Amino acid sequence: MSVMKIFPLQFTDAAANRVKNLIADKRNLDLRLRIYITGGGCSGFQYNFILDDKVNMEDFSIEKQGVALIVDPISLQYLIGGSIDYSENLKGSRFIVINPNAKTICSCGSSFNI
């Protein structure tokens, strides 16, 4: 009998591919995409992304296609059940957070309220 591991946050192939390209551009294989939540933005909380070479013991990590998404436990509580995606279109390119916990989302999609 095989056991399927369920992650509290999904990391799409498109997002993983973009992170892989960013890491190659920076030439630092120790980098990971970190998402974290801060107070601010027009809706109360704001999503932030950085490439980080530090992983704390309490961080949650998802690996896909040889790259990792990391989240601290406080930010993770706001993102459970969500997904991190990446989009490129005429408006530009960006990582997108699909957050089922958000009650309201600002028009740009970078801030939310619970």
N, C-alpha and C. Protein backbone atom coordinates (compact mmCIF):
# COMPACT_ATOMS: atom_id res chain seq x y z
N MET A 1 0.84 -1.16 0.00
CA MET A 1 0.00 0.00 0.00
C MET A 1 0.90 1.25 0.00
N SER A 2 0.66 2.18 -0.94
CA SER A 2 1.46 3.41 -0.98
C SER A 2 0.71 4.53 -0.28
N VAL A 3 1.45 5.41 0.33
CA VAL A 3 0.87 6.53 1.04
C VAL A 3 1.16 7.80 0.24
N MET A 4 0.11 8.56 -0.05
CA MET A 4 0.29 9.81 -0.78
C MET A 4 0.53 10.93 0.23
N LYS A 5 1.60 11.68 0.02
CA LYS A 5 1.92 12.78 0.92
C LYS A 5 1.16 14.02 0.46
N ILE A 6 0.41 14.62 1.35
CA ILE A 6 -0.38 15.81 1.03
C ILE A 6 0.31 17.02 1.63
N PHE A 7 0.56 18.00 0.79
CA PHE A 7 1.21 19.23 1.23
C PHE A 7 0.16 20.29 1.49
N PRO A 8 0.35 21.13 2.50
CA PRO A 8 -0.62 22.17 2.80
C PRO A 8 -0.59 23.33 1.81
N LEU A 9 0.37 23.32 0.89
CA LEU A 9 0.52 24.39 -0.09
C LEU A 9 1.05 23.76 -1.37
N GLN A 10 0.47 24.12 -2.51
CA GLN A 10 0.91 23.57 -3.79
C GLN A 10 1.87 24.54 -4.48
N PHE A 11 2.75 24.00 -5.30
CA PHE A 11 3.76 24.73 -6.04
C PHE A 11 3.65 24.23 -7.47
N THR A 12 3.14 25.06 -8.40
CA THR A 12 2.86 24.59 -9.75
C THR A 12 4.12 24.39 -10.57
N ASP A 13 3.98 23.65 -11.66
CA ASP A 13 5.09 23.43 -12.58
C ASP A 13 5.59 24.75 -13.16
N ALA A 14 4.66 25.65 -13.50
CA ALA A 14 5.05 26.95 -14.07
C ALA A 14 5.90 27.74 -13.07
N ALA A 15 5.52 27.73 -11.80
CA ALA A 15 6.29 28.44 -10.77
C ALA A 15 7.65 27.79 -10.58
N ALA A 16 7.69 26.48 -10.54
CA ALA A 16 8.96 25.76 -10.38
C ALA A 16 9.90 26.05 -11.55
N ASN A 17 9.36 26.05 -12.77
CA ASN A 17 10.19 26.35 -13.94
C ASN A 17 10.77 27.76 -13.88
N ARG A 18 9.97 28.72 -13.44
CA ARG A 18 10.46 30.10 -13.34
C ARG A 18 11.56 30.20 -12.28
N VAL A 19 11.37 29.55 -11.15
CA VAL A 19 12.39 29.56 -10.10
C VAL A 19 13.68 28.92 -10.62
N LYS A 20 13.55 27.83 -11.35
CA LYS A 20 14.72 27.16 -11.92
C LYS A 20 15.49 28.13 -12.82
N ASN A 21 14.79 28.90 -13.64
CA ASN A 21 15.44 29.87 -14.53
C ASN A 21 16.08 31.01 -13.74
N LEU A 22 15.42 31.49 -12.70
CA LEU A 22 15.99 32.56 -11.87
C LEU A 22 17.26 32.11 -11.17
N ILE A 23 17.24 30.88 -10.67
CA ILE A 23 18.43 30.33 -10.00
C ILE A 23 19.58 30.20 -10.99
N ALA A 24 19.28 29.75 -12.20
CA ALA A 24 20.33 29.62 -13.23
C ALA A 24 20.90 31.00 -13.56
N ASP A 25 20.05 32.01 -13.66
CA ASP A 25 20.53 33.38 -13.94
C ASP A 25 21.44 33.89 -12.84
N LYS A 26 21.11 33.58 -11.58
CA LYS A 26 21.90 34.04 -10.43
C LYS A 26 23.15 33.20 -10.21
N ARG A 27 23.18 32.00 -10.82
CA ARG A 27 24.30 31.07 -10.69
C ARG A 27 24.58 30.70 -9.23
N ASN A 28 23.50 30.47 -8.50
CA ASN A 28 23.62 30.08 -7.10
C ASN A 28 22.62 28.95 -6.83
N LEU A 29 23.10 27.73 -6.82
CA LEU A 29 22.22 26.57 -6.65
C LEU A 29 21.65 26.44 -5.25
N ASP A 30 22.10 27.26 -4.30
CA ASP A 30 21.58 27.22 -2.94
C ASP A 30 20.30 28.06 -2.78
N LEU A 31 19.90 28.77 -3.82
CA LEU A 31 18.72 29.64 -3.71
C LEU A 31 17.42 28.84 -3.78
N ARG A 32 16.43 29.35 -3.04
CA ARG A 32 15.07 28.80 -3.03
C ARG A 32 14.12 29.97 -3.08
N LEU A 33 12.92 29.73 -3.56
CA LEU A 33 11.90 30.78 -3.54
C LEU A 33 11.24 30.78 -2.18
N ARG A 34 11.27 31.90 -1.50
CA ARG A 34 10.61 32.04 -0.20
C ARG A 34 9.39 32.94 -0.39
N ILE A 35 8.25 32.49 0.11
CA ILE A 35 7.07 33.34 0.20
C ILE A 35 6.85 33.64 1.68
N TYR A 36 6.55 34.90 1.97
CA TYR A 36 6.25 35.27 3.34
C TYR A 36 5.19 36.36 3.35
N ILE A 37 4.46 36.43 4.45
CA ILE A 37 3.35 37.37 4.61
C ILE A 37 3.79 38.48 5.55
N THR A 38 3.47 39.71 5.17
CA THR A 38 3.71 40.85 6.06
C THR A 38 2.42 41.66 6.16
N GLY A 39 2.32 42.46 7.20
CA GLY A 39 1.21 43.39 7.30
C GLY A 39 1.42 44.50 6.30
N GLY A 40 0.32 44.97 5.69
CA GLY A 40 0.44 46.06 4.73
C GLY A 40 -0.38 45.81 3.49
N GLY A 41 -0.11 46.60 2.48
CA GLY A 41 -0.90 46.50 1.26
C GLY A 41 -2.26 47.13 1.48
N CYS A 42 -3.06 47.19 0.46
CA CYS A 42 -4.35 47.86 0.57
C CYS A 42 -5.42 46.98 1.23
N SER A 43 -5.12 45.69 1.45
CA SER A 43 -6.12 44.81 2.05
C SER A 43 -5.75 44.28 3.43
N GLY A 44 -4.59 44.64 3.96
CA GLY A 44 -4.23 44.23 5.32
C GLY A 44 -2.99 43.37 5.41
N PHE A 45 -2.86 42.35 4.56
CA PHE A 45 -1.69 41.49 4.51
C PHE A 45 -1.13 41.52 3.10
N GLN A 46 0.17 41.31 2.99
CA GLN A 46 0.80 41.37 1.68
C GLN A 46 1.67 40.15 1.44
N TYR A 47 1.61 39.60 0.21
CA TYR A 47 2.48 38.50 -0.19
C TYR A 47 3.82 39.07 -0.62
N ASN A 48 4.90 38.42 -0.21
CA ASN A 48 6.25 38.82 -0.60
C ASN A 48 7.02 37.59 -1.06
N PHE A 49 7.85 37.76 -2.07
CA PHE A 49 8.68 36.69 -2.59
C PHE A 49 10.13 37.15 -2.64
N ILE A 50 11.04 36.29 -2.23
CA ILE A 50 12.48 36.54 -2.41
C ILE A 50 13.17 35.23 -2.75
N LEU A 51 14.31 35.33 -3.38
CA LEU A 51 15.18 34.18 -3.53
C LEU A 51 16.08 34.17 -2.31
N ASP A 52 16.07 33.07 -1.58
CA ASP A 52 16.75 33.00 -0.29
C ASP A 52 17.68 31.79 -0.26
N ASP A 53 18.88 31.99 0.28
CA ASP A 53 19.80 30.86 0.41
C ASP A 53 19.82 30.30 1.83
N LYS A 54 18.96 30.84 2.69
CA LYS A 54 18.88 30.36 4.07
C LYS A 54 17.55 29.64 4.30
N VAL A 55 17.63 28.50 4.95
CA VAL A 55 16.44 27.75 5.33
C VAL A 55 16.52 27.54 6.83
N ASN A 56 15.48 27.96 7.53
CA ASN A 56 15.42 27.77 8.98
C ASN A 56 14.85 26.40 9.30
N MET A 57 15.18 25.86 10.46
CA MET A 57 14.72 24.52 10.83
C MET A 57 13.20 24.40 10.81
N GLU A 58 12.50 25.47 11.18
CA GLU A 58 11.04 25.39 11.26
C GLU A 58 10.35 25.68 9.92
N ASP A 59 11.10 26.05 8.88
CA ASP A 59 10.51 26.34 7.57
C ASP A 59 9.88 25.10 6.96
N PHE A 60 8.81 25.30 6.25
CA PHE A 60 8.16 24.26 5.46
C PHE A 60 8.76 24.35 4.05
N SER A 61 9.08 23.23 3.45
CA SER A 61 9.70 23.23 2.12
C SER A 61 8.98 22.27 1.19
N ILE A 62 8.75 22.73 -0.05
CA ILE A 62 8.19 21.88 -1.10
C ILE A 62 9.22 21.85 -2.22
N GLU A 63 9.60 20.66 -2.65
CA GLU A 63 10.53 20.55 -3.76
C GLU A 63 9.81 20.04 -4.99
N LYS A 64 10.14 20.67 -6.12
CA LYS A 64 9.55 20.28 -7.39
C LYS A 64 10.55 20.60 -8.48
N GLN A 65 10.79 19.67 -9.36
CA GLN A 65 11.69 19.85 -10.50
C GLN A 65 13.08 20.33 -10.08
N GLY A 66 13.53 19.91 -8.91
CA GLY A 66 14.87 20.25 -8.46
C GLY A 66 15.01 21.61 -7.81
N VAL A 67 13.90 22.30 -7.58
CA VAL A 67 13.93 23.60 -6.88
C VAL A 67 12.95 23.54 -5.71
N ALA A 68 13.09 24.50 -4.79
CA ALA A 68 12.27 24.46 -3.58
C ALA A 68 11.55 25.77 -3.34
N LEU A 69 10.36 25.65 -2.79
CA LEU A 69 9.58 26.77 -2.25
C LEU A 69 9.63 26.61 -0.75
N ILE A 70 9.98 27.68 -0.03
CA ILE A 70 10.03 27.61 1.43
C ILE A 70 9.10 28.67 2.03
N VAL A 71 8.52 28.30 3.18
CA VAL A 71 7.57 29.17 3.88
C VAL A 71 7.80 29.03 5.37
N ASP A 72 7.82 30.16 6.07
CA ASP A 72 7.93 30.10 7.53
C ASP A 72 6.57 29.68 8.10
N PRO A 73 6.54 29.12 9.31
CA PRO A 73 5.28 28.59 9.87
C PRO A 73 4.20 29.65 10.10
N ILE A 74 4.58 30.88 10.40
CA ILE A 74 3.56 31.92 10.62
C ILE A 74 2.89 32.27 9.29
N SER A 75 3.67 32.41 8.23
CA SER A 75 3.09 32.70 6.91
C SER A 75 2.27 31.52 6.40
N LEU A 76 2.74 30.31 6.66
CA LEU A 76 2.05 29.12 6.17
C LEU A 76 0.61 29.04 6.68
N GLN A 77 0.38 29.47 7.92
CA GLN A 77 -0.98 29.39 8.47
C GLN A 77 -1.98 30.19 7.64
N TYR A 78 -1.53 31.23 6.94
CA TYR A 78 -2.41 32.03 6.09
C TYR A 78 -2.55 31.46 4.68
N LEU A 79 -1.71 30.49 4.35
CA LEU A 79 -1.66 29.97 2.98
C LEU A 79 -2.14 28.53 2.83
N ILE A 80 -2.51 27.89 3.92
CA ILE A 80 -2.89 26.47 3.88
C ILE A 80 -4.02 26.25 2.86
N GLY A 81 -3.80 25.25 2.01
CA GLY A 81 -4.77 24.91 0.98
C GLY A 81 -4.59 25.71 -0.29
N GLY A 82 -3.61 26.62 -0.32
CA GLY A 82 -3.40 27.49 -1.47
C GLY A 82 -2.39 26.94 -2.45
N SER A 83 -2.08 27.77 -3.43
CA SER A 83 -1.17 27.38 -4.49
C SER A 83 -0.34 28.58 -4.93
N ILE A 84 0.91 28.31 -5.27
CA ILE A 84 1.80 29.33 -5.82
C ILE A 84 1.99 28.99 -7.29
N ASP A 85 1.64 29.95 -8.15
CA ASP A 85 1.72 29.76 -9.60
C ASP A 85 2.56 30.89 -10.19
N TYR A 86 2.81 30.81 -11.48
CA TYR A 86 3.55 31.86 -12.18
C TYR A 86 2.84 32.13 -13.49
N SER A 87 2.76 33.42 -13.84
CA SER A 87 2.05 33.80 -15.07
C SER A 87 2.86 34.84 -15.84
N GLU A 88 2.86 34.68 -17.16
CA GLU A 88 3.42 35.68 -18.07
C GLU A 88 2.35 36.03 -19.07
N ASN A 89 2.06 37.33 -19.21
CA ASN A 89 1.09 37.77 -20.20
C ASN A 89 1.42 39.21 -20.61
N LEU A 90 0.54 39.85 -21.33
CA LEU A 90 0.79 41.21 -21.81
C LEU A 90 0.95 42.22 -20.67
N LYS A 91 0.35 41.93 -19.52
CA LYS A 91 0.46 42.82 -18.36
C LYS A 91 1.81 42.69 -17.65
N GLY A 92 2.53 41.61 -17.92
CA GLY A 92 3.81 41.38 -17.27
C GLY A 92 3.92 39.95 -16.77
N SER A 93 4.89 39.73 -15.91
CA SER A 93 5.10 38.39 -15.35
C SER A 93 5.18 38.51 -13.84
N ARG A 94 4.65 37.47 -13.16
CA ARG A 94 4.66 37.50 -11.71
C ARG A 94 4.26 36.15 -11.14
N PHE A 95 4.67 35.95 -9.88
CA PHE A 95 4.18 34.80 -9.13
C PHE A 95 2.79 35.16 -8.63
N ILE A 96 1.90 34.19 -8.65
CA ILE A 96 0.51 34.40 -8.25
C ILE A 96 0.19 33.48 -7.08
N VAL A 97 -0.48 34.03 -6.08
CA VAL A 97 -0.92 33.25 -4.94
C VAL A 97 -2.41 33.02 -5.08
N ILE A 98 -2.80 31.76 -5.09
CA ILE A 98 -4.21 31.39 -5.09
C ILE A 98 -4.49 30.95 -3.65
N ASN A 99 -5.21 31.79 -2.92
CA ASN A 99 -5.37 31.59 -1.49
C ASN A 99 -6.84 31.44 -1.13
N PRO A 100 -7.28 30.21 -0.81
CA PRO A 100 -8.68 29.99 -0.46
C PRO A 100 -9.07 30.61 0.88
N ASN A 101 -8.09 31.02 1.67
CA ASN A 101 -8.36 31.62 2.99
C ASN A 101 -8.64 33.11 2.91
N ALA A 102 -8.31 33.74 1.79
CA ALA A 102 -8.48 35.19 1.65
C ALA A 102 -9.96 35.53 1.48
N LYS A 103 -10.44 36.44 2.31
CA LYS A 103 -11.83 36.91 2.20
C LYS A 103 -11.94 37.98 1.11
N THR A 104 -10.95 38.89 1.08
CA THR A 104 -10.90 39.91 0.04
C THR A 104 -9.47 39.97 -0.50
N ILE A 105 -9.36 40.32 -1.77
CA ILE A 105 -8.07 40.43 -2.45
C ILE A 105 -8.06 41.77 -3.17
N CYS A 106 -6.94 42.47 -3.11
CA CYS A 106 -6.86 43.75 -3.83
C CYS A 106 -6.81 43.48 -5.34
N SER A 107 -7.03 44.50 -6.11
CA SER A 107 -7.11 44.32 -7.57
C SER A 107 -5.80 43.86 -8.18
N CYS A 108 -4.66 44.19 -7.58
CA CYS A 108 -3.38 43.74 -8.13
C CYS A 108 -3.05 42.31 -7.71
N GLY A 109 -3.73 41.79 -6.69
CA GLY A 109 -3.51 40.42 -6.24
C GLY A 109 -2.36 40.24 -5.27
N SER A 110 -1.71 41.33 -4.86
CA SER A 110 -0.56 41.17 -3.97
C SER A 110 -0.91 41.35 -2.51
N SER A 111 -2.13 41.77 -2.19
CA SER A 111 -2.51 41.87 -0.80
C SER A 111 -3.90 41.26 -0.59
N PHE A 112 -4.18 40.89 0.66
CA PHE A 112 -5.42 40.18 0.96
C PHE A 112 -5.83 40.45 2.40
N ASN A 113 -7.03 40.01 2.72
CA ASN A 113 -7.55 40.11 4.08
C ASN A 113 -8.18 38.77 4.45
N ILE A 114 -8.07 38.39 5.70
CA ILE A 114 -8.62 37.12 6.20
C ILE A 114 -9.87 37.42 7.00
